[in-house]
PDB file of N, CA and C in Angstrom:
ATOM      1  N   MET A   1      25.663  68.184  26.860  1.00  0.00           N
ATOM      2  CA  MET A   1      25.038  66.968  26.396  1.00  0.00           C
ATOM      3  C   MET A   1      24.707  67.133  24.915  1.00  0.00           C
ATOM      4  N   SER A   2      25.037  66.140  24.148  1.00  0.00           N
ATOM      5  CA  SER A   2      24.818  66.225  22.708  1.00  0.00           C
ATOM      6  C   SER A   2      23.352  65.968  22.356  1.00  0.00           C
ATOM      7  N   PHE A   3      23.006  66.392  21.165  1.00  0.00           N
ATOM      8  CA  PHE A   3      21.632  66.221  20.694  1.00  0.00           C
ATOM      9  C   PHE A   3      21.289  64.744  20.542  1.00  0.00           C
ATOM     10  N   ALA A   4      22.233  63.940  20.071  1.00  0.00           N
ATOM     11  CA  ALA A   4      21.981  62.509  19.880  1.00  0.00           C
ATOM     12  C   ALA A   4      21.701  61.823  21.215  1.00  0.00           C
ATOM     13  N   ARG A   5      22.408  62.243  22.253  1.00  0.00           N
ATOM     14  CA  ARG A   5      22.187  61.646  23.580  1.00  0.00           C
ATOM     15  C   ARG A   5      20.807  62.036  24.124  1.00  0.00           C
ATOM     16  N   MET A   6      20.435  63.293  23.947  1.00  0.00           N
ATOM     17  CA  MET A   6      19.111  63.731  24.393  1.00  0.00           C
ATOM     18  C   MET A   6      18.014  63.001  23.622  1.00  0.00           C
ATOM     19  N   LEU A   7      18.226  62.789  22.340  1.00  0.00           N
ATOM     20  CA  LEU A   7      17.256  62.063  21.529  1.00  0.00           C
ATOM     21  C   LEU A   7      17.132  60.606  21.986  1.00  0.00           C
ATOM     22  N   ALA A   8      18.251  59.992  22.354  1.00  0.00           N
ATOM     23  CA  ALA A   8      18.216  58.614  22.852  1.00  0.00           C
ATOM     24  C   ALA A   8      17.459  58.531  24.173  1.00  0.00           C
ATOM     25  N   ILE A   9      17.654  59.505  25.052  1.00  0.00           N
ATOM     26  CA  ILE A   9      16.935  59.537  26.326  1.00  0.00           C
ATOM     27  C   ILE A   9      15.437  59.719  26.082  1.00  0.00           C
ATOM     28  N   ALA A  10      15.083  60.603  25.161  1.00  0.00           N
ATOM     29  CA  ALA A  10      13.672  60.832  24.846  1.00  0.00           C
ATOM     30  C   ALA A  10      13.026  59.573  24.272  1.00  0.00           C
ATOM     31  N   ARG A  11      13.748  58.864  23.390  1.00  0.00           N
ATOM     32  CA  ARG A  11      13.220  57.626  22.833  1.00  0.00           C
ATOM     33  C   ARG A  11      12.996  56.571  23.913  1.00  0.00           C
ATOM     34  N   HIS A  12      13.936  56.490  24.839  1.00  0.00           N
ATOM     35  CA  HIS A  12      13.805  55.535  25.939  1.00  0.00           C
ATOM     36  C   HIS A  12      12.590  55.865  26.808  1.00  0.00           C
ATOM     37  N   GLU A  13      12.393  57.120  27.122  1.00  0.00           N
ATOM     38  CA  GLU A  13      11.229  57.523  27.923  1.00  0.00           C
ATOM     39  C   GLU A  13       9.924  57.244  27.186  1.00  0.00           C
ATOM     40  N   LEU A  14       9.908  57.465  25.884  1.00  0.00           N
ATOM     41  CA  LEU A  14       8.706  57.162  25.106  1.00  0.00           C
ATOM     42  C   LEU A  14       8.382  55.673  25.139  1.00  0.00           C
ATOM     43  N   ARG A  15       9.400  54.837  25.025  1.00  0.00           N
ATOM     44  CA  ARG A  15       9.171  53.395  25.092  1.00  0.00           C
ATOM     45  C   ARG A  15       8.619  52.992  26.455  1.00  0.00           C
ATOM     46  N   LEU A  16       9.189  53.550  27.511  1.00  0.00           N
ATOM     47  CA  LEU A  16       8.709  53.223  28.848  1.00  0.00           C
ATOM     48  C   LEU A  16       7.279  53.708  29.072  1.00  0.00           C
ATOM     49  N   THR A  17       6.979  54.895  28.605  1.00  0.00           N
ATOM     50  CA  THR A  17       5.655  55.479  28.825  1.00  0.00           C
ATOM     51  C   THR A  17       4.594  54.734  28.023  1.00  0.00           C
ATOM     52  N   ARG A  18       4.917  54.305  26.821  1.00  0.00           N
ATOM     53  CA  ARG A  18       3.929  53.595  26.002  1.00  0.00           C
ATOM     54  C   ARG A  18       3.557  52.239  26.573  1.00  0.00           C
ATOM     55  N   ARG A  19       4.372  51.701  27.449  1.00  0.00           N
ATOM     56  CA  ARG A  19       4.048  50.418  28.080  1.00  0.00           C
ATOM     57  C   ARG A  19       3.081  50.568  29.246  1.00  0.00           C
ATOM     58  N   LEU A  20       2.871  51.777  29.717  1.00  0.00           N
ATOM     59  CA  LEU A  20       2.020  52.003  30.877  1.00  0.00           C
ATOM     60  C   LEU A  20       0.541  52.012  30.483  1.00  0.00           C
ATOM     61  N   VAL A  21      -0.272  51.405  31.304  1.00  0.00           N
ATOM     62  CA  VAL A  21      -1.711  51.362  31.045  1.00  0.00           C
ATOM     63  C   VAL A  21      -2.304  52.761  31.166  1.00  0.00           C
ATOM     64  N   ARG A  22      -1.807  53.555  32.128  1.00  0.00           N
ATOM     65  CA  ARG A  22      -2.385  54.884  32.330  1.00  0.00           C
ATOM     66  C   ARG A  22      -2.157  55.785  31.122  1.00  0.00           C
ATOM     67  N   TYR A  23      -1.109  55.535  30.338  1.00  0.00           N
ATOM     68  CA  TYR A  23      -0.890  56.292  29.114  1.00  0.00           C
ATOM     69  C   TYR A  23      -2.015  56.003  28.113  1.00  0.00           C
ATOM     70  N   TRP A  24      -2.335  54.723  27.933  1.00  0.00           N
ATOM     71  CA  TRP A  24      -3.361  54.364  26.968  1.00  0.00           C
ATOM     72  C   TRP A  24      -4.744  54.793  27.428  1.00  0.00           C
ATOM     73  N   VAL A  25      -4.979  54.774  28.736  1.00  0.00           N
ATOM     74  CA  VAL A  25      -6.251  55.270  29.268  1.00  0.00           C
ATOM     75  C   VAL A  25      -6.376  56.760  28.988  1.00  0.00           C
ATOM     76  N   SER A  26      -5.302  57.497  29.203  1.00  0.00           N
ATOM     77  CA  SER A  26      -5.311  58.938  28.938  1.00  0.00           C
ATOM     78  C   SER A  26      -5.554  59.227  27.457  1.00  0.00           C
ATOM     79  N   VAL A  27      -4.899  58.496  26.588  1.00  0.00           N
ATOM     80  CA  VAL A  27      -5.083  58.694  25.139  1.00  0.00           C
ATOM     81  C   VAL A  27      -6.505  58.328  24.715  1.00  0.00           C
ATOM     82  N   LEU A  28      -7.026  57.227  25.245  1.00  0.00           N
ATOM     83  CA  LEU A  28      -8.372  56.796  24.892  1.00  0.00           C
ATOM     84  C   LEU A  28      -9.421  57.791  25.370  1.00  0.00           C
ATOM     85  N   LEU A  29      -9.296  58.269  26.601  1.00  0.00           N
ATOM     86  CA  LEU A  29     -10.251  59.264  27.101  1.00  0.00           C
ATOM     87  C   LEU A  29     -10.179  60.557  26.298  1.00  0.00           C
ATOM     88  N   GLY A  30      -8.981  60.975  25.939  1.00  0.00           N
ATOM     89  CA  GLY A  30      -8.841  62.173  25.122  1.00  0.00           C
ATOM     90  C   GLY A  30      -9.461  62.016  23.742  1.00  0.00           C
ATOM     91  N   ALA A  31      -9.259  60.861  23.131  1.00  0.00           N
ATOM     92  CA  ALA A  31      -9.832  60.622  21.804  1.00  0.00           C
ATOM     93  C   ALA A  31     -11.358  60.551  21.867  1.00  0.00           C
ATOM     94  N   LEU A  32     -11.873  59.901  22.895  1.00  0.00           N
ATOM     95  CA  LEU A  32     -13.334  59.820  23.028  1.00  0.00           C
ATOM     96  C   LEU A  32     -13.949  61.177  23.341  1.00  0.00           C
ATOM     97  N   ALA A  33     -13.272  61.953  24.164  1.00  0.00           N
ATOM     98  CA  ALA A  33     -13.794  63.279  24.508  1.00  0.00           C
ATOM     99  C   ALA A  33     -13.819  64.201  23.298  1.00  0.00           C
ATOM    100  N   PHE A  34     -12.985  63.945  22.327  1.00  0.00           N
ATOM    101  CA  PHE A  34     -13.002  64.739  21.102  1.00  0.00           C
ATOM    102  C   PHE A  34     -13.945  64.135  20.066  1.00  0.00           C
ATOM    103  N   ALA A  35     -13.949  62.823  19.935  1.00  0.00           N
ATOM    104  CA  ALA A  35     -14.716  62.181  18.865  1.00  0.00           C
ATOM    105  C   ALA A  35     -16.220  62.184  19.131  1.00  0.00           C
ATOM    106  N   ALA A  36     -16.631  62.062  20.378  1.00  0.00           N
ATOM    107  CA  ALA A  36     -18.071  61.994  20.680  1.00  0.00           C
ATOM    108  C   ALA A  36     -18.803  63.285  20.294  1.00  0.00           C
ATOM    109  N   PRO A  37     -18.373  64.468  20.738  1.00  0.00           N
ATOM    110  CA  PRO A  37     -19.080  65.680  20.299  1.00  0.00           C
ATOM    111  C   PRO A  37     -18.954  65.928  18.789  1.00  0.00           C
ATOM    112  N   PHE A  38     -17.796  65.572  18.223  1.00  0.00           N
ATOM    113  CA  PHE A  38     -17.631  65.758  16.787  1.00  0.00           C
ATOM    114  C   PHE A  38     -18.615  64.885  16.013  1.00  0.00           C
ATOM    115  N   ALA A  39     -18.785  63.639  16.429  1.00  0.00           N
ATOM    116  CA  ALA A  39     -19.756  62.757  15.772  1.00  0.00           C
ATOM    117  C   ALA A  39     -21.177  63.270  15.966  1.00  0.00           C
ATOM    118  N   TYR A  40     -21.484  63.765  17.156  1.00  0.00           N
ATOM    119  CA  TYR A  40     -22.817  64.295  17.433  1.00  0.00           C
ATOM    120  C   TYR A  40     -23.141  65.468  16.513  1.00  0.00           C
ATOM    121  N   TYR A  41     -22.252  66.437  16.413  1.00  0.00           N
ATOM    122  CA  TYR A  41     -22.511  67.594  15.568  1.00  0.00           C
ATOM    123  C   TYR A  41     -22.468  67.239  14.082  1.00  0.00           C
ATOM    124  N   SER A  42     -21.682  66.251  13.717  1.00  0.00           N
ATOM    125  CA  SER A  42     -21.676  65.811  12.324  1.00  0.00           C
ATOM    126  C   SER A  42     -23.004  65.174  11.943  1.00  0.00           C
ATOM    127  N   VAL A  43     -23.581  64.377  12.837  1.00  0.00           N
ATOM    128  CA  VAL A  43     -24.887  63.774  12.575  1.00  0.00           C
ATOM    129  C   VAL A  43     -25.963  64.857  12.509  1.00  0.00           C
ATOM    130  N   LEU A  44     -25.896  65.823  13.422  1.00  0.00           N
ATOM    131  CA  LEU A  44     -26.848  66.938  13.357  1.00  0.00           C
ATOM    132  C   LEU A  44     -26.776  67.651  12.024  1.00  0.00           C
ATOM    133  N   HIS A  45     -25.571  67.892  11.555  1.00  0.00           N
ATOM    134  CA  HIS A  45     -25.399  68.565  10.270  1.00  0.00           C
ATOM    135  C   HIS A  45     -25.957  67.704   9.137  1.00  0.00           C
ATOM    136  N   GLY A  46     -25.650  66.418   9.163  1.00  0.00           N
ATOM    137  CA  GLY A  46     -26.095  65.544   8.080  1.00  0.00           C
ATOM    138  C   GLY A  46     -27.598  65.380   8.020  1.00  0.00           C
ATOM    139  N   VAL A  47     -28.255  65.350   9.165  1.00  0.00           N
ATOM    140  CA  VAL A  47     -29.691  65.086   9.192  1.00  0.00           C
ATOM    141  C   VAL A  47     -30.510  66.363   9.015  1.00  0.00           C
ATOM    142  N   PHE A  48     -30.116  67.441   9.686  1.00  0.00           N
ATOM    143  CA  PHE A  48     -30.962  68.630   9.740  1.00  0.00           C
ATOM    144  C   PHE A  48     -30.478  69.820   8.921  1.00  0.00           C
ATOM    145  N   SER A  49     -29.353  69.714   8.228  1.00  0.00           N
ATOM    146  CA  SER A  49     -28.835  70.896   7.524  1.00  0.00           C
ATOM    147  C   SER A  49     -29.708  71.311   6.349  1.00  0.00           C
ATOM    148  N   SER A  50     -30.455  70.397   5.774  1.00  0.00           N
ATOM    149  CA  SER A  50     -31.320  70.772   4.650  1.00  0.00           C
ATOM    150  C   SER A  50     -32.571  71.506   5.121  1.00  0.00           C
ATOM    151  N   ARG A  51     -32.900  71.432   6.399  1.00  0.00           N
ATOM    152  CA  ARG A  51     -34.113  72.061   6.925  1.00  0.00           C
ATOM    153  C   ARG A  51     -33.865  73.403   7.603  1.00  0.00           C
ATOM    154  N   SER A  52     -32.642  73.620   8.064  1.00  0.00           N
ATOM    155  CA  SER A  52     -32.393  74.824   8.848  1.00  0.00           C
ATOM    156  C   SER A  52     -31.034  75.405   8.493  1.00  0.00           C
ATOM    157  N   GLY A  53     -31.012  76.707   8.301  1.00  0.00           N
ATOM    158  CA  GLY A  53     -29.755  77.370   7.991  1.00  0.00           C
ATOM    159  C   GLY A  53     -28.815  77.430   9.179  1.00  0.00           C
ATOM    160  N   SER A  54     -29.370  77.521  10.384  1.00  0.00           N
ATOM    161  CA  SER A  54     -28.503  77.592  11.560  1.00  0.00           C
ATOM    162  C   SER A  54     -27.850  76.240  11.855  1.00  0.00           C
ATOM    163  N   VAL A  55     -28.513  75.144  11.523  1.00  0.00           N
ATOM    164  CA  VAL A  55     -27.897  73.833  11.707  1.00  0.00           C
ATOM    165  C   VAL A  55     -26.892  73.580  10.590  1.00  0.00           C
ATOM    166  N   ALA A  56     -27.110  74.151   9.425  1.00  0.00           N
ATOM    167  CA  ALA A  56     -26.157  73.990   8.329  1.00  0.00           C
ATOM    168  C   ALA A  56     -24.820  74.641   8.657  1.00  0.00           C
ATOM    169  N   TRP A  57     -24.818  75.564   9.620  1.00  0.00           N
ATOM    170  CA  TRP A  57     -23.560  76.177  10.050  1.00  0.00           C
ATOM    171  C   TRP A  57     -22.664  75.167  10.752  1.00  0.00           C
ATOM    172  N   LEU A  58     -23.234  74.088  11.305  1.00  0.00           N
ATOM    173  CA  LEU A  58     -22.468  73.078  12.013  1.00  0.00           C
ATOM    174  C   LEU A  58     -21.738  72.161  11.037  1.00  0.00           C
ATOM    175  N   ASN A  59     -21.080  72.737  10.100  1.00  0.00           N
ATOM    176  CA  ASN A  59     -20.331  71.993   9.103  1.00  0.00           C
ATOM    177  C   ASN A  59     -19.138  71.320   9.781  1.00  0.00           C
ATOM    178  N   PRO A  60     -18.913  70.027   9.572  1.00  0.00           N
ATOM    179  CA  PRO A  60     -17.785  69.345  10.210  1.00  0.00           C
ATOM    180  C   PRO A  60     -16.431  69.976   9.883  1.00  0.00           C
ATOM    181  N   ARG A  61     -16.323  70.649   8.770  1.00  0.00           N
ATOM    182  CA  ARG A  61     -15.070  71.307   8.422  1.00  0.00           C
ATOM    183  C   ARG A  61     -14.725  72.398   9.437  1.00  0.00           C
ATOM    184  N   TYR A  62     -15.709  73.128   9.903  1.00  0.00           N
ATOM    185  CA  TYR A  62     -15.466  74.203  10.857  1.00  0.00           C
ATOM    186  C   TYR A  62     -15.435  73.701  12.303  1.00  0.00           C
ATOM    187  N   LEU A  63     -15.966  72.521  12.556  1.00  0.00           N
ATOM    188  CA  LEU A  63     -15.964  71.984  13.914  1.00  0.00           C
ATOM    189  C   LEU A  63     -14.568  71.574  14.362  1.00  0.00           C
ATOM    190  N   ILE A  64     -13.697  71.204  13.456  1.00  0.00           N
ATOM    191  CA  ILE A  64     -12.325  70.854  13.830  1.00  0.00           C
ATOM    192  C   ILE A  64     -11.671  72.043  14.523  1.00  0.00           C
ATOM    193  N   GLY A  65     -11.835  73.223  13.987  1.00  0.00           N
ATOM    194  CA  GLY A  65     -11.268  74.412  14.615  1.00  0.00           C
ATOM    195  C   GLY A  65     -11.921  74.752  15.939  1.00  0.00           C
ATOM    196  N   ALA A  66     -13.219  74.529  16.035  1.00  0.00           N
ATOM    197  CA  ALA A  66     -13.928  74.838  17.273  1.00  0.00           C
ATOM    198  C   ALA A  66     -13.546  73.873  18.390  1.00  0.00           C
ATOM    199  N   PHE A  67     -13.321  72.617  18.065  1.00  0.00           N
ATOM    200  CA  PHE A  67     -12.948  71.625  19.079  1.00  0.00           C
ATOM    201  C   PHE A  67     -11.450  71.569  19.317  1.00  0.00           C
ATOM    202  N   GLY A  68     -10.666  72.222  18.499  1.00  0.00           N
ATOM    203  CA  GLY A  68      -9.209  72.167  18.631  1.00  0.00           C
ATOM    204  C   GLY A  68      -8.706  72.633  19.977  1.00  0.00           C
ATOM    205  N   PHE A  69      -9.254  73.740  20.468  1.00  0.00           N
ATOM    206  CA  PHE A  69      -8.821  74.267  21.761  1.00  0.00           C
ATOM    207  C   PHE A  69      -9.073  73.264  22.872  1.00  0.00           C
ATOM    208  N   TRP A  70     -10.247  72.652  22.867  1.00  0.00           N
ATOM    209  CA  TRP A  70     -10.590  71.720  23.942  1.00  0.00           C
ATOM    210  C   TRP A  70      -9.784  70.432  23.860  1.00  0.00           C
ATOM    211  N   SER A  71      -9.512  69.973  22.667  1.00  0.00           N
ATOM    212  CA  SER A  71      -8.724  68.748  22.544  1.00  0.00           C
ATOM    213  C   SER A  71      -7.279  68.982  22.976  1.00  0.00           C
ATOM    214  N   VAL A  72      -6.713  70.133  22.612  1.00  0.00           N
ATOM    215  CA  VAL A  72      -5.348  70.444  23.043  1.00  0.00           C
ATOM    216  C   VAL A  72      -5.282  70.614  24.557  1.00  0.00           C
ATOM    217  N   THR A  73      -6.287  71.253  25.149  1.00  0.00           N
ATOM    218  CA  THR A  73      -6.320  71.426  26.599  1.00  0.00           C
ATOM    219  C   THR A  73      -6.409  70.083  27.306  1.00  0.00           C
ATOM    220  N   LEU A  74      -7.235  69.188  26.807  1.00  0.00           N
ATOM    221  CA  LEU A  74      -7.374  67.877  27.421  1.00  0.00           C
ATOM    222  C   LEU A  74      -6.086  67.065  27.293  1.00  0.00           C
ATOM    223  N   MET A  75      -5.455  67.085  26.147  1.00  0.00           N
ATOM    224  CA  MET A  75      -4.200  66.355  25.966  1.00  0.00           C
ATOM    225  C   MET A  75      -3.080  66.946  26.818  1.00  0.00           C
ATOM    226  N   LEU A  76      -3.085  68.256  26.997  1.00  0.00           N
ATOM    227  CA  LEU A  76      -2.088  68.886  27.861  1.00  0.00           C
ATOM    228  C   LEU A  76      -2.264  68.459  29.308  1.00  0.00           C
ATOM    229  N   ALA A  77      -3.511  68.338  29.754  1.00  0.00           N
ATOM    230  CA  ALA A  77      -3.768  67.856  31.118  1.00  0.00           C
ATOM    231  C   ALA A  77      -3.274  66.420  31.280  1.00  0.00           C
ATOM    232  N   GLY A  78      -3.464  65.590  30.281  1.00  0.00           N
ATOM    233  CA  GLY A  78      -2.943  64.225  30.323  1.00  0.00           C
ATOM    234  C   GLY A  78      -1.428  64.188  30.337  1.00  0.00           C
ATOM    235  N   THR A  79      -0.793  65.095  29.613  1.00  0.00           N
ATOM    236  CA  THR A  79       0.664  65.167  29.600  1.00  0.00           C
ATOM    237  C   THR A  79       1.209  65.570  30.965  1.00  0.00           C
ATOM    238  N   VAL A  80       0.565  66.523  31.611  1.00  0.00           N
ATOM    239  CA  VAL A  80       0.994  66.933  32.949  1.00  0.00           C
ATOM    240  C   VAL A  80       0.832  65.775  33.928  1.00  0.00           C
ATOM    241  N   PHE A  81      -0.268  65.045  33.829  1.00  0.00           N
ATOM    242  CA  PHE A  81      -0.489  63.881  34.681  1.00  0.00           C
ATOM    243  C   PHE A  81       0.614  62.849  34.490  1.00  0.00           C
ATOM    244  N   LEU A  82       0.973  62.568  33.251  1.00  0.00           N
ATOM    245  CA  LEU A  82       2.022  61.587  32.976  1.00  0.00           C
ATOM    246  C   LEU A  82       3.402  62.099  33.403  1.00  0.00           C
ATOM    247  N   ALA A  83       3.635  63.402  33.332  1.00  0.00           N
ATOM    248  CA  ALA A  83       4.931  63.957  33.752  1.00  0.00           C
ATOM    249  C   ALA A  83       5.133  63.776  35.248  1.00  0.00           C
ATOM    250  N   PHE A  84       4.092  63.960  36.041  1.00  0.00           N
ATOM    251  CA  PHE A  84       4.221  63.718  37.476  1.00  0.00           C
ATOM    252  C   PHE A  84       4.476  62.240  37.747  1.00  0.00           C
ATOM    253  N   ASP A  85       3.939  61.378  36.922  1.00  0.00           N
ATOM    254  CA  ASP A  85       4.160  59.956  37.108  1.00  0.00           C
ATOM    255  C   ASP A  85       5.608  59.571  36.807  1.00  0.00           C
ATOM    256  N   VAL A  86       6.243  60.235  35.863  1.00  0.00           N
ATOM    257  CA  VAL A  86       7.643  59.947  35.545  1.00  0.00           C
ATOM    258  C   VAL A  86       8.519  60.250  36.751  1.00  0.00           C
ATOM    259  N   ARG A  87       8.260  61.358  37.411  1.00  0.00           N
ATOM    260  CA  ARG A  87       9.030  61.697  38.609  1.00  0.00           C
ATOM    261  C   ARG A  87       8.798  60.672  39.721  1.00  0.00           C
ATOM    262  N   ALA A  88       7.558  60.246  39.903  1.00  0.00           N
ATOM    263  CA  ALA A  88       7.260  59.237  40.926  1.00  0.00           C
ATOM    264  C   ALA A  88       7.946  57.909  40.597  1.00  0.00           C
ATOM    265  N   ARG A  89       8.028  57.578  39.320  1.00  0.00           N
ATOM    266  CA  ARG A  89       8.714  56.353  38.913  1.00  0.00           C
ATOM    267  C   ARG A  89      10.207  56.430  39.219  1.00  0.00           C
ATOM    268  N   ASP A  90      10.809  57.610  39.033  1.00  0.00           N
ATOM    269  CA  ASP A  90      12.219  57.789  39.365  1.00  0.00           C
ATOM    270  C   ASP A  90      12.457  57.642  40.863  1.00  0.00           C
ATOM    271  N   VAL A  91      11.541  58.139  41.667  1.00  0.00           N
ATOM    272  CA  VAL A  91      11.678  58.013  43.124  1.00  0.00           C
ATOM    273  C   VAL A  91      11.524  56.553  43.537  1.00  0.00           C
ATOM    274  N   ARG A  92      10.574  55.838  42.938  1.00  0.00           N
ATOM    275  CA  ARG A  92      10.382  54.423  43.272  1.00  0.00           C
ATOM    276  C   ARG A  92      11.589  53.584  42.913  1.00  0.00           C
ATOM    277  N   SER A  93      12.232  53.894  41.803  1.00  0.00           N
ATOM    278  CA  SER A  93      13.407  53.113  41.393  1.00  0.00           C
ATOM    279  C   SER A  93      14.699  53.622  42.034  1.00  0.00           C
ATOM    280  N   ARG A  94      14.590  54.603  42.913  1.00  0.00           N
ATOM    281  CA  ARG A  94      15.695  55.155  43.709  1.00  0.00           C
ATOM    282  C   ARG A  94      16.818  55.752  42.856  1.00  0.00           C
ATOM    283  N   ILE A  95      16.450  56.384  41.767  1.00  0.00           N
ATOM    284  CA  ILE A  95      17.457  57.094  40.980  1.00  0.00           C
ATOM    285  C   ILE A  95      17.234  58.600  41.020  1.00  0.00           C
ATOM    286  N   ALA A  96      16.261  59.040  41.805  1.00  0.00           N
ATOM    287  CA  ALA A  96      15.959  60.475  41.873  1.00  0.00           C
ATOM    288  C   ALA A  96      17.134  61.253  42.445  1.00  0.00           C
ATOM    289  N   GLU A  97      17.847  60.698  43.431  1.00  0.00           N
ATOM    290  CA  GLU A  97      18.984  61.394  44.017  1.00  0.00           C
ATOM    291  C   GLU A  97      20.082  61.596  42.982  1.00  0.00           C
ATOM    292  N   ALA A  98      20.312  60.597  42.148  1.00  0.00           N
ATOM    293  CA  ALA A  98      21.339  60.716  41.115  1.00  0.00           C
ATOM    294  C   ALA A  98      20.931  61.758  40.075  1.00  0.00           C
ATOM    295  N   LEU A  99      19.645  61.802  39.754  1.00  0.00           N
ATOM    296  CA  LEU A  99      19.183  62.781  38.770  1.00  0.00           C
ATOM    297  C   LEU A  99      19.221  64.200  39.338  1.00  0.00           C
ATOM    298  N   ASP A 100      18.964  64.338  40.640  1.00  0.00           N
ATOM    299  CA  ASP A 100      18.962  65.659  41.259  1.00  0.00           C
ATOM    300  C   ASP A 100      20.363  66.166  41.581  1.00  0.00           C
ATOM    301  N   ALA A 101      21.373  65.325  41.524  1.00  0.00           N
ATOM    302  CA  ALA A 101      22.733  65.729  41.895  1.00  0.00           C
ATOM    303  C   ALA A 101      23.338  66.650  40.852  1.00  0.00           C
ATOM    304  N   ARG A 102      22.925  66.507  39.614  1.00  0.00           N
ATOM    305  CA  ARG A 102      23.470  67.343  38.534  1.00  0.00           C
ATOM    306  C   ARG A 102      22.411  68.290  38.017  1.00  0.00           C
ATOM    307  N   PRO A 103      22.785  69.491  37.636  1.00  0.00           N
ATOM    308  CA  PRO A 103      21.797  70.403  37.047  1.00  0.00           C
ATOM    309  C   PRO A 103      21.402  69.928  35.650  1.00  0.00           C
ATOM    310  N   LEU A 104      20.246  70.375  35.196  1.00  0.00           N
ATOM    311  CA  LEU A 104      19.790  69.964  33.866  1.00  0.00           C
ATOM    312  C   LEU A 104      20.749  70.437  32.803  1.00  0.00           C
TER     313      LEU A 104
END
């Protein structure tokens, strides 16, 4: 299979997935789960950093790295959830047998 054909298949799957409500729910929950603690610690830094050295450590510049692991983990869980849905969609549209007949 050529690279152009694989790219066309990937583009088609992206278009189909972006139309699903569960995709946008997953993206929204992931963004909120990252933005809420980041905003909380940023406000703590802005309000209390002049009074305490330990709160001044909560610099938003360093919080991106601290929250990076959790945001990637959450997005990966959403990706796995959506991947199982793609397989279920293939079974519902009755093309799973055709896809399983040939090796990847």
